[in-house]
C-alpha atoms as a PDB file:
ATOM      1  CA  UNK A   1       0.000   0.000   0.000  1.00  0.00           C
ATOM      2  CA  UNK A   2       1.148   3.511  -0.689  1.00  0.00           C
ATOM      3  CA  UNK A   3       0.197   6.636   1.178  1.00  0.00           C
ATOM      4  CA  UNK A   4      -0.674   9.178  -1.458  1.00  0.00           C
ATOM      5  CA  UNK A   5      -2.354  11.944   0.454  1.00  0.00           C
ATOM      6  CA  UNK A   6      -3.443  13.103   3.838  1.00  0.00           C
ATOM      7  CA  UNK A   7      -6.267  15.066   5.284  1.00  0.00           C
ATOM      8  CA  UNK A   8      -7.632  16.278   8.568  1.00  0.00           C
ATOM      9  CA  UNK A   9     -10.963  14.700   9.538  1.00  0.00           C
ATOM     10  CA  UNK A  10     -13.621  16.731  11.320  1.00  0.00           C
ATOM     11  CA  UNK A  11     -12.475  15.378  14.703  1.00  0.00           C
ATOM     12  CA  UNK A  12      -9.109  17.130  14.230  1.00  0.00           C
ATOM     13  CA  UNK A  13      -6.996  13.956  14.307  1.00  0.00           C
ATOM     14  CA  UNK A  14      -4.502  13.690  11.443  1.00  0.00           C
ATOM     15  CA  UNK A  15      -5.274  10.869   9.010  1.00  0.00           C
ATOM     16  CA  UNK A  16      -3.823   9.583   5.771  1.00  0.00           C
ATOM     17  CA  UNK A  17      -5.538   8.425   2.609  1.00  0.00           C
ATOM     18  CA  UNK A  18      -3.930   5.217   1.417  1.00  0.00           C
ATOM     19  CA  UNK A  19      -4.523   4.019  -2.146  1.00  0.00           C
ATOM     20  CA  UNK A  20      -3.919   0.435  -3.235  1.00  0.00           C
ATOM     21  CA  UNK A  21      -4.856  -1.807  -6.156  1.00  0.00           C
ATOM     22  CA  UNK A  22      -8.291  -3.384  -5.653  1.00  0.00           C
ATOM     23  CA  UNK A  23      -8.671  -7.161  -5.492  1.00  0.00           C
ATOM     24  CA  UNK A  24     -11.611  -9.529  -5.781  1.00  0.00           C
ATOM     25  CA  UNK A  25     -11.709  -9.540  -1.966  1.00  0.00           C
ATOM     26  CA  UNK A  26     -12.932  -5.920  -2.176  1.00  0.00           C
ATOM     27  CA  UNK A  27     -16.024  -6.756  -4.272  1.00  0.00           C
ATOM     28  CA  UNK A  28     -18.528  -6.974  -1.401  1.00  0.00           C
ATOM     29  CA  UNK A  29     -17.408  -3.634   0.046  1.00  0.00           C
ATOM     30  CA  UNK A  30     -17.397  -1.987  -3.398  1.00  0.00           C
ATOM     31  CA  UNK A  31     -20.922  -3.238  -4.124  1.00  0.00           C
ATOM     32  CA  UNK A  32     -22.056  -1.513  -0.914  1.00  0.00           C
ATOM     33  CA  UNK A  33     -20.038   1.679  -1.432  1.00  0.00           C
ATOM     34  CA  UNK A  34     -21.093   2.467  -5.007  1.00  0.00           C
ATOM     35  CA  UNK A  35     -24.880   2.792  -4.501  1.00  0.00           C
ATOM     36  CA  UNK A  36     -24.358   4.683  -1.224  1.00  0.00           C
ATOM     37  CA  UNK A  37     -22.075   7.149  -3.009  1.00  0.00           C
ATOM     38  CA  UNK A  38     -24.432   7.620  -5.951  1.00  0.00           C
ATOM     39  CA  UNK A  39     -27.562   8.064  -3.830  1.00  0.00           C
ATOM     40  CA  UNK A  40     -26.012  10.726  -1.620  1.00  0.00           C
ATOM     41  CA  UNK A  41     -23.599  12.617  -3.858  1.00  0.00           C
ATOM     42  CA  UNK A  42     -25.833  12.721  -6.953  1.00  0.00           C
ATOM     43  CA  UNK A  43     -28.687  14.470  -5.147  1.00  0.00           C
ATOM     44  CA  UNK A  44     -29.371  17.825  -6.743  1.00  0.00           C
ATOM     45  CA  UNK A  45     -27.669  16.774  -9.984  1.00  0.00           C
ATOM     46  CA  UNK A  46     -29.941  13.899 -11.021  1.00  0.00           C
ATOM     47  CA  UNK A  47     -33.547  13.103 -10.161  1.00  0.00           C
ATOM     48  CA  UNK A  48     -34.304  10.202  -7.783  1.00  0.00           C
ATOM     49  CA  UNK A  49     -35.558   8.236 -10.805  1.00  0.00           C
ATOM     50  CA  UNK A  50     -32.292   8.855 -12.698  1.00  0.00           C
ATOM     51  CA  UNK A  51     -30.227   7.879  -9.645  1.00  0.00           C
ATOM     52  CA  UNK A  52     -32.001   4.549  -9.115  1.00  0.00           C
ATOM     53  CA  UNK A  53     -31.999   3.730 -12.829  1.00  0.00           C
ATOM     54  CA  UNK A  54     -28.277   4.510 -13.103  1.00  0.00           C
ATOM     55  CA  UNK A  55     -27.502   2.281 -10.096  1.00  0.00           C
ATOM     56  CA  UNK A  56     -29.477  -0.543 -11.708  1.00  0.00           C
ATOM     57  CA  UNK A  57     -28.126  -0.169 -15.259  1.00  0.00           C
ATOM     58  CA  UNK A  58     -24.818   1.762 -15.209  1.00  0.00           C
ATOM     59  CA  UNK A  59     -23.032   2.284 -11.904  1.00  0.00           C
ATOM     60  CA  UNK A  60     -21.394  -0.818 -10.519  1.00  0.00           C
ATOM     61  CA  UNK A  61     -18.150  -2.694 -10.353  1.00  0.00           C
ATOM     62  CA  UNK A  62     -16.415  -3.491 -13.639  1.00  0.00           C
ATOM     63  CA  UNK A  63     -14.601  -6.676 -12.632  1.00  0.00           C
ATOM     64  CA  UNK A  64     -12.410  -6.428 -15.765  1.00  0.00           C
ATOM     65  CA  UNK A  65     -10.691  -3.410 -14.169  1.00  0.00           C
ATOM     66  CA  UNK A  66      -9.932  -5.481 -11.069  1.00  0.00           C
ATOM     67  CA  UNK A  67      -8.662  -8.387 -13.195  1.00  0.00           C
ATOM     68  CA  UNK A  68      -6.445  -5.951 -15.133  1.00  0.00           C
ATOM     69  CA  UNK A  69      -5.025  -4.452 -11.925  1.00  0.00           C
ATOM     70  CA  UNK A  70      -6.143  -0.945 -12.917  1.00  0.00           C
ATOM     71  CA  UNK A  71      -8.780  -0.323 -10.228  1.00  0.00           C
ATOM     72  CA  UNK A  72      -7.888   1.265  -6.904  1.00  0.00           C
ATOM     73  CA  UNK A  73      -9.453   1.583  -3.482  1.00  0.00           C
ATOM     74  CA  UNK A  74      -8.728   4.397  -1.043  1.00  0.00           C
ATOM     75  CA  UNK A  75      -8.707   3.879   2.697  1.00  0.00           C
ATOM     76  CA  UNK A  76      -8.681   6.335   5.569  1.00  0.00           C
ATOM     77  CA  UNK A  77      -7.584   4.175   8.473  1.00  0.00           C
ATOM     78  CA  UNK A  78      -9.794   1.074   8.385  1.00  0.00           C
ATOM     79  CA  UNK A  79     -12.572   2.806   6.424  1.00  0.00           C
ATOM     80  CA  UNK A  80     -13.034   2.270   2.692  1.00  0.00           C
ATOM     81  CA  UNK A  81     -13.271   5.906   1.585  1.00  0.00           C
ATOM     82  CA  UNK A  82     -13.557   5.550  -2.191  1.00  0.00           C
ATOM     83  CA  UNK A  83     -12.656   3.744  -5.390  1.00  0.00           C
ATOM     84  CA  UNK A  84     -11.735   4.583  -8.951  1.00  0.00           C
ATOM     85  CA  UNK A  85      -9.570   3.414 -11.761  1.00  0.00           C
ATOM     86  CA  UNK A  86      -8.255   3.686 -15.256  1.00  0.00           C
ATOM     87  CA  UNK A  87      -8.400   1.281 -18.169  1.00  0.00           C
ATOM     88  CA  UNK A  88      -6.426   0.292 -21.201  1.00  0.00           C
ATOM     89  CA  UNK A  89      -9.676  -1.103 -22.660  1.00  0.00           C
ATOM     90  CA  UNK A  90     -12.279   0.449 -24.961  1.00  0.00           C
ATOM     91  CA  UNK A  91     -15.230   0.722 -22.530  1.00  0.00           C
ATOM     92  CA  UNK A  92     -15.797   4.368 -21.574  1.00  0.00           C
ATOM     93  CA  UNK A  93     -18.113   3.845 -18.593  1.00  0.00           C
ATOM     94  CA  UNK A  94     -20.387   1.390 -16.792  1.00  0.00           C
ATOM     95  CA  UNK A  95     -20.153  -1.670 -14.594  1.00  0.00           C
ATOM     96  CA  UNK A  96     -20.498  -5.342 -15.417  1.00  0.00           C
ATOM     97  CA  UNK A  97     -24.246  -4.907 -15.940  1.00  0.00           C
ATOM     98  CA  UNK A  98     -23.507  -2.841 -19.108  1.00  0.00           C
ATOM     99  CA  UNK A  99     -21.080  -5.319 -20.711  1.00  0.00           C
ATOM    100  CA  UNK A 100     -22.303  -7.197 -23.756  1.00  0.00           C
ATOM    101  CA  UNK A 101     -19.163  -8.574 -25.388  1.00  0.00           C
ATOM    102  CA  UNK A 102     -15.391  -8.317 -25.653  1.00  0.00           C
ATOM    103  CA  UNK A 103     -13.659  -5.212 -24.350  1.00  0.00           C
ATOM    104  CA  UNK A 104     -10.649  -4.768 -26.659  1.00  0.00           C
ATOM    105  CA  UNK A 105      -7.363  -3.219 -25.611  1.00  0.00           C
ATOM    106  CA  UNK A 106      -6.515   0.337 -26.666  1.00  0.00           C
ATOM    107  CA  UNK A 107      -3.349   1.405 -28.482  1.00  0.00           C
ATOM    108  CA  UNK A 108      -1.528   3.786 -26.105  1.00  0.00           C
ATOM    109  CA  UNK A 109       0.251   5.518 -29.011  1.00  0.00           C
ATOM    110  CA  UNK A 110      -2.990   6.688 -30.637  1.00  0.00           C
ATOM    111  CA  UNK A 111      -5.915   6.151 -28.221  1.00  0.00           C
ATOM    112  CA  UNK A 112      -6.644   7.627 -24.795  1.00  0.00           C
ATOM    113  CA  UNK A 113      -6.726   5.527 -21.639  1.00  0.00           C
ATOM    114  CA  UNK A 114     -10.067   5.630 -19.847  1.00  0.00           C
ATOM    115  CA  UNK A 115     -10.653   7.026 -16.365  1.00  0.00           C
ATOM    116  CA  UNK A 116     -13.381   4.869 -14.853  1.00  0.00           C
ATOM    117  CA  UNK A 117     -15.826   4.339 -12.019  1.00  0.00           C
ATOM    118  CA  UNK A 118     -14.915   6.921  -9.376  1.00  0.00           C
ATOM    119  CA  UNK A 119     -17.061   6.737  -6.227  1.00  0.00           C
ATOM    120  CA  UNK A 120     -16.468   8.312  -2.809  1.00  0.00           C
ATOM    121  CA  UNK A 121     -18.172   7.356   0.424  1.00  0.00           C
ATOM    122  CA  UNK A 122     -20.291  10.407   1.333  1.00  0.00           C
ATOM    123  CA  UNK A 123     -18.623  10.824   4.751  1.00  0.00           C
ATOM    124  CA  UNK A 124     -15.309  11.305   2.918  1.00  0.00           C
ATOM    125  CA  UNK A 125     -16.512  13.691   0.198  1.00  0.00           C
ATOM    126  CA  UNK A 126     -14.294  16.730  -0.424  1.00  0.00           C
ATOM    127  CA  UNK A 127     -11.460  15.333   1.716  1.00  0.00           C
ATOM    128  CA  UNK A 128      -8.966  14.491  -1.025  1.00  0.00           C
ATOM    129  CA  UNK A 129     -10.096  10.934  -1.781  1.00  0.00           C
ATOM    130  CA  UNK A 130     -10.983  11.585  -5.438  1.00  0.00           C
ATOM    131  CA  UNK A 131      -7.769  13.536  -5.916  1.00  0.00           C
ATOM    132  CA  UNK A 132      -5.652  10.745  -4.428  1.00  0.00           C
ATOM    133  CA  UNK A 133      -7.331   8.180  -6.686  1.00  0.00           C
ATOM    134  CA  UNK A 134      -6.950  10.415  -9.746  1.00  0.00           C
ATOM    135  CA  UNK A 135      -3.237  10.939  -9.063  1.00  0.00           C
ATOM    136  CA  UNK A 136      -2.733   7.163  -8.882  1.00  0.00           C
ATOM    137  CA  UNK A 137      -4.632   6.664 -12.165  1.00  0.00           C
ATOM    138  CA  UNK A 138      -2.775   9.402 -14.037  1.00  0.00           C
ATOM    139  CA  UNK A 139       0.608   8.048 -12.910  1.00  0.00           C
ATOM    140  CA  UNK A 140      -0.290   4.453 -13.853  1.00  0.00           C
ATOM    141  CA  UNK A 141      -1.694   5.339 -17.294  1.00  0.00           C
ATOM    142  CA  UNK A 142       1.358   7.474 -18.067  1.00  0.00           C
ATOM    143  CA  UNK A 143       3.686   4.655 -16.961  1.00  0.00           C
ATOM    144  CA  UNK A 144       1.775   2.299 -19.297  1.00  0.00           C
ATOM    145  CA  UNK A 145       2.632   4.570 -22.255  1.00  0.00           C
ATOM    146  CA  UNK A 146      -0.650   6.449 -22.724  1.00  0.00           C
ATOM    147  CA  UNK A 147      -0.454  10.036 -23.980  1.00  0.00           C
ATOM    148  CA  UNK A 148      -3.996  11.121 -23.161  1.00  0.00           C
ATOM    149  CA  UNK A 149      -7.022  10.289 -21.008  1.00  0.00           C
ATOM    150  CA  UNK A 150     -10.750  10.244 -21.659  1.00  0.00           C
ATOM    151  CA  UNK A 151     -13.755   9.776 -19.403  1.00  0.00           C
ATOM    152  CA  UNK A 152     -17.507  10.128 -19.141  1.00  0.00           C
ATOM    153  CA  UNK A 153     -18.109  12.423 -16.185  1.00  0.00           C
ATOM    154  CA  UNK A 154     -21.213  12.361 -14.070  1.00  0.00           C
ATOM    155  CA  UNK A 155     -22.576  15.817 -13.317  1.00  0.00           C
ATOM    156  CA  UNK A 156     -21.362  15.681  -9.674  1.00  0.00           C
ATOM    157  CA  UNK A 157     -17.959  14.377 -10.823  1.00  0.00           C
ATOM    158  CA  UNK A 158     -17.291  17.088 -13.400  1.00  0.00           C
ATOM    159  CA  UNK A 159     -15.664  19.560 -10.936  1.00  0.00           C
ATOM    160  CA  UNK A 160     -13.064  16.960  -9.877  1.00  0.00           C
ATOM    161  CA  UNK A 161     -12.160  16.230 -13.480  1.00  0.00           C
ATOM    162  CA  UNK A 162     -11.932  19.929 -14.376  1.00  0.00           C
ATOM    163  CA  UNK A 163      -9.549  20.363 -11.424  1.00  0.00           C
ATOM    164  CA  UNK A 164      -7.347  17.721 -13.077  1.00  0.00           C
ATOM    165  CA  UNK A 165      -7.293  19.638 -16.386  1.00  0.00           C
ATOM    166  CA  UNK A 166      -9.942  17.621 -18.218  1.00  0.00           C
ATOM    167  CA  UNK A 167     -11.885  19.606 -20.801  1.00  0.00           C
ATOM    168  CA  UNK A 168     -15.409  18.799 -22.022  1.00  0.00           C
ATOM    169  CA  UNK A 169     -15.827  17.368 -25.513  1.00  0.00           C
ATOM    170  CA  UNK A 170     -19.558  16.664 -25.640  1.00  0.00           C
ATOM    171  CA  UNK A 171     -22.640  15.917 -23.591  1.00  0.00           C
ATOM    172  CA  UNK A 172     -23.778  12.293 -23.717  1.00  0.00           C
ATOM    173  CA  UNK A 173     -27.485  11.829 -23.016  1.00  0.00           C
ATOM    174  CA  UNK A 174     -27.604   8.101 -22.398  1.00  0.00           C
ATOM    175  CA  UNK A 175     -30.936   6.297 -22.706  1.00  0.00           C
ATOM    176  CA  UNK A 176     -31.080   3.433 -20.211  1.00  0.00           C
ATOM    177  CA  UNK A 177     -33.023   0.173 -20.770  1.00  0.00           C
ATOM    178  CA  UNK A 178     -35.950   1.380 -18.623  1.00  0.00           C
ATOM    179  CA  UNK A 179     -36.388   4.530 -20.741  1.00  0.00           C
ATOM    180  CA  UNK A 180     -34.705   6.895 -18.278  1.00  0.00           C
ATOM    181  CA  UNK A 181     -32.208   9.309 -19.821  1.00  0.00           C
ATOM    182  CA  UNK A 182     -29.107  10.321 -17.846  1.00  0.00           C
ATOM    183  CA  UNK A 183     -26.568  12.952 -18.921  1.00  0.00           C
ATOM    184  CA  UNK A 184     -22.810  12.463 -18.815  1.00  0.00           C
ATOM    185  CA  UNK A 185     -20.032  14.729 -20.102  1.00  0.00           C
ATOM    186  CA  UNK A 186     -17.299  13.218 -22.259  1.00  0.00           C
ATOM    187  CA  UNK A 187     -14.007  14.853 -21.235  1.00  0.00           C
ATOM    188  CA  UNK A 188     -10.352  14.549 -22.231  1.00  0.00           C
ATOM    189  CA  UNK A 189      -6.864  15.653 -21.254  1.00  0.00           C
ATOM    190  CA  UNK A 190      -3.332  15.197 -22.499  1.00  0.00           C
ATOM    191  CA  UNK A 191      -0.703  13.431 -20.412  1.00  0.00           C
ATOM    192  CA  UNK A 192       2.503  15.400 -20.242  1.00  0.00           C
ATOM    193  CA  UNK A 193       5.762  13.446 -20.476  1.00  0.00           C
END
């Protein structure tokens, strides 16, 4: 495990955010964290109907990221504070429930790596968890030879990505299987050498 950031919790005791590669042993905790994050942190950005539909059809664990070793979890002490990853595969967003076939590898010389599936436990929002995860993803994608990054931002996630120099390319209004439409923002950034 590597300590990649620190913060001061509301009780005033110094703590450190530790980011490590996720494993299959994290699946149960991730499957609890993701809906809790979406339900709380998406309020005011999406309607309750959009939130529940997105949890059912979009937001979830992509086990391919865990198998590839490109998904991270962030801890603050013993607490799972958040998760997020990057991918050298074509899928832009969505958990296992969205997969329908092969997910081919990208060419790092001409295609952007994907930033994927960032979720923060609400109690740890705005305490550096997303930033620590993003730093780990950027470093790993750069080390793997990628020259740029791309993602599909949720509306509540857009400020984090802008803070990491992502720029919007287009709005993606995604129609889910139950007829609910949910907006995302496709964003990109270059990776400096």
